[in-house]
């Protein structure tokens, strides 16, 4: 089951504005659709009513987690230039450490952050009690480790 409505739209826009500094106008031509398992997808085309899809067309942007909305790494990468807040810049060694599963001390406030290197966002992290954790899926981490070794 898919659900799209104004309340969901404003919840997502408020979240991205407050957490990542993205103005609502950035998503003016898009819709947000929530699946029954708490995934929120961004799309430019809503599926026709009555059509039952396992997932909507578009990109999975968020999912509902116990602590609130969690952005996907893929979505943060796709909107990278728009992210002006909660951006955690790392040097190459720190990136490597995170991708290998190590945790790094940081001074950001608790919550989700966009991990960046050389100005480009490469995924999602979580800051908890002064430590950043990498939340990039394992397969993607392996690919990125290879890139940083070149």
N, C-alpha and C. Protein backbone atom coordinates (compact mmCIF):
# COMPACT_ATOMS: atom_id res chain seq x y z
N UNK A 1 0.84 -1.19 0.00
CA UNK A 1 0.00 0.00 0.00
C UNK A 1 0.88 1.25 0.00
N UNK A 2 0.52 2.23 -0.78
CA UNK A 2 1.25 3.47 -0.88
C UNK A 2 0.39 4.62 -0.39
N UNK A 3 1.02 5.58 0.27
CA UNK A 3 0.28 6.74 0.74
C UNK A 3 1.04 8.01 0.42
N UNK A 4 0.36 8.99 -0.11
CA UNK A 4 0.96 10.28 -0.40
C UNK A 4 -0.07 11.33 0.00
N UNK A 5 0.35 12.29 0.81
CA UNK A 5 -0.58 13.33 1.22
C UNK A 5 0.20 14.57 1.67
N UNK A 6 -0.54 15.64 1.92
CA UNK A 6 0.10 16.90 2.32
C UNK A 6 0.82 16.78 3.65
N UNK A 7 0.27 16.02 4.60
CA UNK A 7 0.92 15.87 5.91
C UNK A 7 2.29 15.21 5.76
N UNK A 8 2.37 14.17 4.93
CA UNK A 8 3.65 13.51 4.68
C UNK A 8 4.61 14.48 4.01
N UNK A 9 4.14 15.20 3.02
CA UNK A 9 4.99 16.15 2.30
C UNK A 9 5.59 17.17 3.26
N UNK A 10 4.76 17.76 4.11
CA UNK A 10 5.27 18.78 5.03
C UNK A 10 6.18 18.18 6.09
N UNK A 11 5.91 16.96 6.51
CA UNK A 11 6.80 16.30 7.47
C UNK A 11 8.20 16.14 6.86
N UNK A 12 8.25 15.70 5.62
CA UNK A 12 9.54 15.49 4.94
C UNK A 12 10.23 16.83 4.67
N UNK A 13 9.49 17.81 4.17
CA UNK A 13 10.08 19.12 3.88
C UNK A 13 10.60 19.78 5.15
N UNK A 14 9.86 19.69 6.23
CA UNK A 14 10.30 20.24 7.52
C UNK A 14 11.58 19.55 7.99
N UNK A 15 11.62 18.22 7.85
CA UNK A 15 12.80 17.46 8.27
C UNK A 15 14.03 17.89 7.47
N UNK A 16 13.92 17.90 6.15
CA UNK A 16 15.08 18.25 5.33
C UNK A 16 15.49 19.71 5.53
N UNK A 17 14.53 20.58 5.79
CA UNK A 17 14.87 21.97 6.07
C UNK A 17 15.60 22.13 7.38
N UNK A 18 15.04 21.53 8.44
CA UNK A 18 15.63 21.67 9.77
C UNK A 18 16.96 20.95 9.90
N UNK A 19 17.06 19.75 9.36
CA UNK A 19 18.28 18.94 9.56
C UNK A 19 19.37 19.25 8.55
N UNK A 20 19.00 19.46 7.29
CA UNK A 20 20.02 19.59 6.24
C UNK A 20 20.02 20.95 5.53
N UNK A 21 19.16 21.87 6.00
CA UNK A 21 19.16 23.22 5.44
C UNK A 21 18.63 23.33 4.02
N UNK A 22 17.80 22.40 3.62
CA UNK A 22 17.28 22.40 2.25
C UNK A 22 15.92 23.09 2.21
N UNK A 23 15.78 24.14 1.40
CA UNK A 23 14.50 24.85 1.34
C UNK A 23 13.42 24.01 0.65
N UNK A 24 12.18 24.16 1.06
CA UNK A 24 11.08 23.41 0.46
C UNK A 24 11.00 23.58 -1.06
N UNK A 25 11.38 24.73 -1.57
CA UNK A 25 11.31 24.99 -3.01
C UNK A 25 12.15 24.00 -3.82
N UNK A 26 13.16 23.41 -3.19
CA UNK A 26 14.02 22.44 -3.89
C UNK A 26 13.23 21.21 -4.32
N UNK A 27 12.11 20.95 -3.65
CA UNK A 27 11.30 19.77 -3.95
C UNK A 27 9.94 20.14 -4.54
N UNK A 28 9.86 21.32 -5.16
CA UNK A 28 8.58 21.83 -5.67
C UNK A 28 7.94 20.92 -6.71
N UNK A 29 8.73 20.28 -7.54
CA UNK A 29 8.20 19.46 -8.64
C UNK A 29 8.14 17.97 -8.31
N UNK A 30 8.21 17.63 -7.03
CA UNK A 30 8.25 16.22 -6.64
C UNK A 30 7.13 15.88 -5.67
N UNK A 31 6.92 14.58 -5.53
CA UNK A 31 5.95 14.07 -4.56
C UNK A 31 6.68 13.07 -3.67
N UNK A 32 6.17 12.88 -2.49
CA UNK A 32 6.70 11.88 -1.57
C UNK A 32 5.62 10.82 -1.35
N UNK A 33 6.04 9.57 -1.38
CA UNK A 33 5.12 8.45 -1.24
C UNK A 33 5.67 7.54 -0.14
N UNK A 34 4.79 7.15 0.78
CA UNK A 34 5.21 6.26 1.87
C UNK A 34 4.62 4.88 1.65
N UNK A 35 5.48 3.87 1.76
CA UNK A 35 5.02 2.49 1.63
C UNK A 35 4.57 1.98 3.00
N UNK A 36 3.93 0.84 3.02
CA UNK A 36 3.41 0.30 4.27
C UNK A 36 4.51 -0.09 5.25
N UNK A 37 5.75 -0.25 4.78
CA UNK A 37 6.83 -0.60 5.71
C UNK A 37 7.65 0.62 6.14
N UNK A 38 7.13 1.82 5.93
CA UNK A 38 7.77 3.03 6.44
C UNK A 38 8.84 3.63 5.56
N UNK A 39 8.97 3.16 4.32
CA UNK A 39 9.91 3.78 3.40
C UNK A 39 9.22 4.98 2.74
N UNK A 40 9.98 6.06 2.59
CA UNK A 40 9.44 7.25 1.93
C UNK A 40 10.26 7.48 0.67
N UNK A 41 9.57 7.48 -0.45
CA UNK A 41 10.19 7.61 -1.76
C UNK A 41 9.89 8.99 -2.32
N UNK A 42 10.83 9.53 -3.09
CA UNK A 42 10.61 10.77 -3.81
C UNK A 42 10.42 10.42 -5.28
N UNK A 43 9.44 11.05 -5.88
CA UNK A 43 9.12 10.72 -7.27
C UNK A 43 8.60 11.95 -7.99
N UNK A 44 8.74 11.93 -9.29
CA UNK A 44 8.15 13.01 -10.09
C UNK A 44 6.83 12.56 -10.68
N UNK A 45 6.51 11.27 -10.52
CA UNK A 45 5.29 10.70 -11.08
C UNK A 45 4.62 9.79 -10.06
N UNK A 46 3.42 10.13 -9.67
CA UNK A 46 2.67 9.26 -8.76
C UNK A 46 2.05 8.13 -9.57
N UNK A 47 2.06 6.91 -9.02
CA UNK A 47 1.42 5.81 -9.74
C UNK A 47 -0.09 6.04 -9.80
N UNK A 48 -0.74 5.54 -10.85
CA UNK A 48 -2.20 5.70 -10.95
C UNK A 48 -2.90 5.06 -9.76
N UNK A 49 -3.96 5.69 -9.30
CA UNK A 49 -4.70 5.11 -8.18
C UNK A 49 -5.30 3.76 -8.60
N UNK A 50 -5.34 2.85 -7.68
CA UNK A 50 -5.85 1.52 -7.96
C UNK A 50 -4.77 0.54 -8.41
N UNK A 51 -3.62 1.07 -8.82
CA UNK A 51 -2.51 0.22 -9.23
C UNK A 51 -1.69 -0.11 -7.99
N UNK A 52 -1.51 -1.38 -7.70
CA UNK A 52 -0.77 -1.79 -6.51
C UNK A 52 0.65 -2.16 -6.89
N UNK A 53 1.58 -1.30 -6.48
CA UNK A 53 3.00 -1.52 -6.74
C UNK A 53 3.70 -1.89 -5.44
N UNK A 54 4.71 -2.71 -5.55
CA UNK A 54 5.51 -3.05 -4.38
C UNK A 54 6.28 -1.83 -3.90
N UNK A 55 6.78 -1.07 -4.84
CA UNK A 55 7.45 0.18 -4.51
C UNK A 55 7.14 1.18 -5.61
N UNK A 56 7.12 2.45 -5.25
CA UNK A 56 6.79 3.48 -6.25
C UNK A 56 7.98 3.75 -7.16
N UNK A 57 7.72 4.38 -8.31
CA UNK A 57 8.85 4.81 -9.14
C UNK A 57 9.57 5.94 -8.41
N UNK A 58 10.86 6.01 -8.56
CA UNK A 58 11.61 7.09 -7.92
C UNK A 58 12.78 6.57 -7.11
N UNK A 59 13.16 7.32 -6.10
CA UNK A 59 14.31 7.01 -5.26
C UNK A 59 13.88 6.98 -3.80
N UNK A 60 14.31 5.94 -3.09
CA UNK A 60 13.99 5.87 -1.67
C UNK A 60 14.78 6.97 -0.96
N UNK A 61 14.09 7.88 -0.33
CA UNK A 61 14.70 9.05 0.30
C UNK A 61 14.91 8.86 1.79
N UNK A 62 13.94 8.25 2.45
CA UNK A 62 13.95 8.13 3.91
C UNK A 62 13.29 6.82 4.32
N UNK A 63 13.51 6.48 5.56
CA UNK A 63 12.71 5.43 6.16
C UNK A 63 12.45 5.83 7.60
N UNK A 64 11.37 5.30 8.13
CA UNK A 64 11.05 5.59 9.53
C UNK A 64 11.86 4.66 10.40
N UNK A 65 12.59 5.24 11.33
CA UNK A 65 13.40 4.49 12.28
C UNK A 65 12.88 4.81 13.68
N UNK A 66 13.25 4.02 14.68
CA UNK A 66 12.75 4.30 16.04
C UNK A 66 13.05 5.73 16.51
N UNK A 67 14.17 6.29 16.07
CA UNK A 67 14.55 7.64 16.50
C UNK A 67 13.99 8.73 15.59
N UNK A 68 13.22 8.36 14.57
CA UNK A 68 12.66 9.35 13.65
C UNK A 68 13.03 9.03 12.22
N UNK A 69 12.98 10.03 11.35
CA UNK A 69 13.28 9.82 9.94
C UNK A 69 14.78 9.64 9.73
N UNK A 70 15.14 8.66 8.90
CA UNK A 70 16.54 8.38 8.56
C UNK A 70 16.70 8.51 7.06
N UNK A 71 17.58 9.44 6.62
CA UNK A 71 17.80 9.59 5.17
C UNK A 71 18.64 8.43 4.63
N UNK A 72 18.43 8.10 3.37
CA UNK A 72 19.26 7.07 2.75
C UNK A 72 20.53 7.73 2.21
N UNK A 73 21.60 6.94 2.17
CA UNK A 73 22.86 7.44 1.61
C UNK A 73 22.67 7.84 0.15
N UNK A 74 21.97 7.01 -0.61
CA UNK A 74 21.76 7.30 -2.03
C UNK A 74 21.06 8.64 -2.23
N UNK A 75 20.08 8.93 -1.39
CA UNK A 75 19.36 10.19 -1.54
C UNK A 75 20.25 11.37 -1.16
N UNK A 76 21.01 11.25 -0.08
CA UNK A 76 21.90 12.34 0.31
C UNK A 76 22.93 12.63 -0.80
N UNK A 77 23.43 11.57 -1.42
CA UNK A 77 24.37 11.76 -2.53
C UNK A 77 23.67 12.51 -3.67
N UNK A 78 22.44 12.13 -3.97
CA UNK A 78 21.73 12.73 -5.10
C UNK A 78 21.40 14.20 -4.89
N UNK A 79 21.25 14.63 -3.65
CA UNK A 79 20.93 16.04 -3.37
C UNK A 79 22.13 16.78 -2.79
N UNK A 80 23.29 16.19 -2.87
CA UNK A 80 24.50 16.72 -2.24
C UNK A 80 24.69 18.22 -2.30
N UNK A 81 24.62 18.85 -3.47
CA UNK A 81 24.86 20.30 -3.52
C UNK A 81 23.83 21.13 -2.73
N UNK A 82 22.66 20.57 -2.46
CA UNK A 82 21.64 21.30 -1.71
C UNK A 82 21.85 21.26 -0.20
N UNK A 83 22.65 20.31 0.27
CA UNK A 83 22.85 20.13 1.72
C UNK A 83 23.78 21.21 2.25
N UNK A 84 23.23 22.07 3.12
CA UNK A 84 24.03 23.16 3.69
C UNK A 84 24.21 23.04 5.20
N UNK A 85 23.53 22.10 5.82
CA UNK A 85 23.65 21.90 7.27
C UNK A 85 23.84 20.40 7.54
N UNK A 86 24.34 20.09 8.73
CA UNK A 86 24.59 18.70 9.13
C UNK A 86 25.45 17.98 8.10
N UNK A 87 26.43 18.70 7.63
CA UNK A 87 27.38 18.18 6.64
C UNK A 87 28.68 17.95 7.40
N UNK A 88 29.19 16.73 7.39
CA UNK A 88 30.39 16.38 8.14
C UNK A 88 31.51 16.09 7.15
N UNK A 89 32.46 17.03 7.04
CA UNK A 89 33.56 16.90 6.08
C UNK A 89 34.72 16.12 6.71
N UNK A 90 35.26 15.20 5.91
CA UNK A 90 36.32 14.30 6.38
C UNK A 90 37.50 14.30 5.42
N UNK A 91 38.69 14.10 5.98
CA UNK A 91 39.85 13.91 5.10
C UNK A 91 39.86 12.44 4.65
N UNK A 92 40.74 12.12 3.71
CA UNK A 92 40.75 10.78 3.12
C UNK A 92 40.98 9.68 4.16
N UNK A 93 41.85 9.92 5.13
CA UNK A 93 42.11 8.90 6.14
C UNK A 93 40.87 8.63 7.00
N UNK A 94 40.17 9.69 7.38
CA UNK A 94 38.96 9.54 8.18
C UNK A 94 37.87 8.82 7.39
N UNK A 95 37.76 9.13 6.11
CA UNK A 95 36.79 8.45 5.25
C UNK A 95 37.08 6.96 5.26
N UNK A 96 38.33 6.62 5.05
CA UNK A 96 38.75 5.22 5.02
C UNK A 96 38.40 4.51 6.33
N UNK A 97 38.68 5.16 7.44
CA UNK A 97 38.38 4.58 8.75
C UNK A 97 36.89 4.30 8.90
N UNK A 98 36.07 5.27 8.52
CA UNK A 98 34.61 5.08 8.61
C UNK A 98 34.14 3.94 7.71
N UNK A 99 34.67 3.91 6.49
CA UNK A 99 34.24 2.87 5.55
C UNK A 99 34.66 1.48 6.01
N UNK A 100 35.71 1.41 6.80
CA UNK A 100 36.16 0.12 7.34
C UNK A 100 35.43 -0.25 8.63
N UNK A 101 34.46 0.58 9.02
CA UNK A 101 33.64 0.25 10.18
C UNK A 101 34.09 0.85 11.48
N UNK A 102 35.12 1.65 11.45
CA UNK A 102 35.58 2.30 12.68
C UNK A 102 34.75 3.55 12.92
N UNK A 103 34.76 3.99 14.16
CA UNK A 103 34.00 5.18 14.53
C UNK A 103 34.97 6.31 14.82
N UNK A 104 34.55 7.52 14.54
CA UNK A 104 35.44 8.67 14.64
C UNK A 104 34.82 9.71 15.58
N UNK A 105 35.64 10.27 16.47
CA UNK A 105 35.14 11.35 17.33
C UNK A 105 34.78 12.58 16.48
N UNK A 106 33.75 13.30 16.89
CA UNK A 106 33.38 14.52 16.18
C UNK A 106 32.67 15.48 17.13
N UNK A 107 32.50 16.71 16.67
CA UNK A 107 31.87 17.72 17.52
C UNK A 107 30.48 18.11 17.01
N UNK A 108 29.94 17.38 16.05
CA UNK A 108 28.60 17.67 15.55
C UNK A 108 27.55 17.30 16.60
N UNK A 109 26.38 17.92 16.48
CA UNK A 109 25.27 17.56 17.37
C UNK A 109 24.75 16.17 16.98
N UNK A 110 24.11 15.52 17.92
CA UNK A 110 23.57 14.18 17.67
C UNK A 110 22.55 14.22 16.54
N UNK A 111 22.54 13.16 15.75
CA UNK A 111 21.60 13.03 14.65
C UNK A 111 22.29 12.59 13.38
N UNK A 112 21.51 12.51 12.32
CA UNK A 112 22.05 12.08 11.03
C UNK A 112 22.83 13.21 10.38
N UNK A 113 23.91 12.84 9.70
CA UNK A 113 24.75 13.80 8.99
C UNK A 113 25.03 13.30 7.58
N UNK A 114 25.33 14.24 6.71
CA UNK A 114 25.76 13.92 5.35
C UNK A 114 27.29 13.86 5.39
N UNK A 115 27.86 12.69 5.12
CA UNK A 115 29.31 12.52 5.13
C UNK A 115 29.87 13.07 3.83
N UNK A 116 30.93 13.89 3.92
CA UNK A 116 31.48 14.53 2.73
C UNK A 116 33.01 14.45 2.72
N UNK A 117 33.55 14.44 1.50
CA UNK A 117 34.99 14.49 1.28
C UNK A 117 35.24 15.35 0.04
N UNK A 118 36.17 16.29 0.17
CA UNK A 118 36.47 17.21 -0.94
C UNK A 118 35.22 17.88 -1.50
N UNK A 119 34.28 18.21 -0.62
CA UNK A 119 33.08 18.92 -1.02
C UNK A 119 31.95 18.06 -1.56
N UNK A 120 32.19 16.76 -1.72
CA UNK A 120 31.16 15.88 -2.25
C UNK A 120 30.62 14.96 -1.17
N UNK A 121 29.31 14.83 -1.13
CA UNK A 121 28.68 13.92 -0.17
C UNK A 121 28.78 12.50 -0.70
N UNK A 122 29.16 11.57 0.17
CA UNK A 122 29.29 10.17 -0.24
C UNK A 122 28.41 9.23 0.58
N UNK A 123 27.64 9.74 1.54
CA UNK A 123 26.75 8.86 2.28
C UNK A 123 26.20 9.48 3.54
N UNK A 124 25.55 8.63 4.32
CA UNK A 124 24.89 9.03 5.56
C UNK A 124 25.66 8.51 6.76
N UNK A 125 25.73 9.33 7.79
CA UNK A 125 26.33 8.92 9.05
C UNK A 125 25.41 9.29 10.19
N UNK A 126 25.72 8.77 11.36
CA UNK A 126 24.95 9.08 12.56
C UNK A 126 25.91 9.50 13.65
N UNK A 127 25.65 10.68 14.23
CA UNK A 127 26.45 11.15 15.35
C UNK A 127 25.68 10.85 16.63
N UNK A 128 26.35 10.18 17.55
CA UNK A 128 25.77 9.88 18.85
C UNK A 128 26.86 10.07 19.90
N UNK A 129 26.61 10.97 20.83
CA UNK A 129 27.53 11.22 21.93
C UNK A 129 28.96 11.51 21.47
N UNK A 130 29.11 12.35 20.46
CA UNK A 130 30.42 12.77 20.00
C UNK A 130 31.17 11.76 19.14
N UNK A 131 30.48 10.76 18.66
CA UNK A 131 31.09 9.74 17.79
C UNK A 131 30.25 9.62 16.53
N UNK A 132 30.90 9.61 15.35
CA UNK A 132 30.16 9.43 14.10
C UNK A 132 30.29 7.98 13.66
N UNK A 133 29.18 7.41 13.24
CA UNK A 133 29.07 6.04 12.74
C UNK A 133 28.69 6.11 11.27
N UNK A 134 29.27 5.28 10.46
CA UNK A 134 28.94 5.24 9.03
C UNK A 134 27.71 4.36 8.83
N UNK A 135 26.72 4.87 8.10
CA UNK A 135 25.49 4.12 7.83
C UNK A 135 25.35 3.74 6.37
N UNK A 136 26.44 3.79 5.64
CA UNK A 136 26.42 3.41 4.23
C UNK A 136 26.31 1.89 4.13
N UNK A 137 25.46 1.38 3.26
CA UNK A 137 25.33 -0.08 3.12
C UNK A 137 26.69 -0.73 2.82
N UNK A 138 26.88 -1.95 3.33
CA UNK A 138 28.16 -2.66 3.24
C UNK A 138 28.70 -2.77 1.82
N UNK A 139 27.88 -3.15 0.87
CA UNK A 139 28.34 -3.29 -0.51
C UNK A 139 28.87 -1.98 -1.05
N UNK A 140 28.17 -0.90 -0.78
CA UNK A 140 28.62 0.42 -1.24
C UNK A 140 29.91 0.83 -0.54
N UNK A 141 30.02 0.49 0.74
CA UNK A 141 31.27 0.78 1.48
C UNK A 141 32.46 0.12 0.81
N UNK A 142 32.29 -1.14 0.43
CA UNK A 142 33.39 -1.87 -0.23
C UNK A 142 33.81 -1.16 -1.52
N UNK A 143 32.82 -0.72 -2.30
CA UNK A 143 33.12 0.00 -3.53
C UNK A 143 33.89 1.28 -3.24
N UNK A 144 33.46 2.00 -2.21
CA UNK A 144 34.12 3.26 -1.87
C UNK A 144 35.53 3.05 -1.32
N UNK A 145 35.74 1.99 -0.56
CA UNK A 145 37.10 1.68 -0.07
C UNK A 145 38.02 1.48 -1.26
N UNK A 146 37.54 0.76 -2.27
CA UNK A 146 38.35 0.55 -3.48
C UNK A 146 38.69 1.88 -4.14
N UNK A 147 37.73 2.79 -4.20
CA UNK A 147 37.96 4.09 -4.81
C UNK A 147 39.03 4.86 -4.04
N UNK A 148 38.97 4.82 -2.71
CA UNK A 148 39.94 5.56 -1.92
C UNK A 148 41.30 4.93 -1.90
N UNK A 149 41.41 3.68 -2.31
CA UNK A 149 42.72 3.03 -2.38
C UNK A 149 43.43 3.35 -3.69
N UNK A 150 42.70 3.81 -4.69
CA UNK A 150 43.31 4.11 -6.00
C UNK A 150 44.11 5.39 -5.91
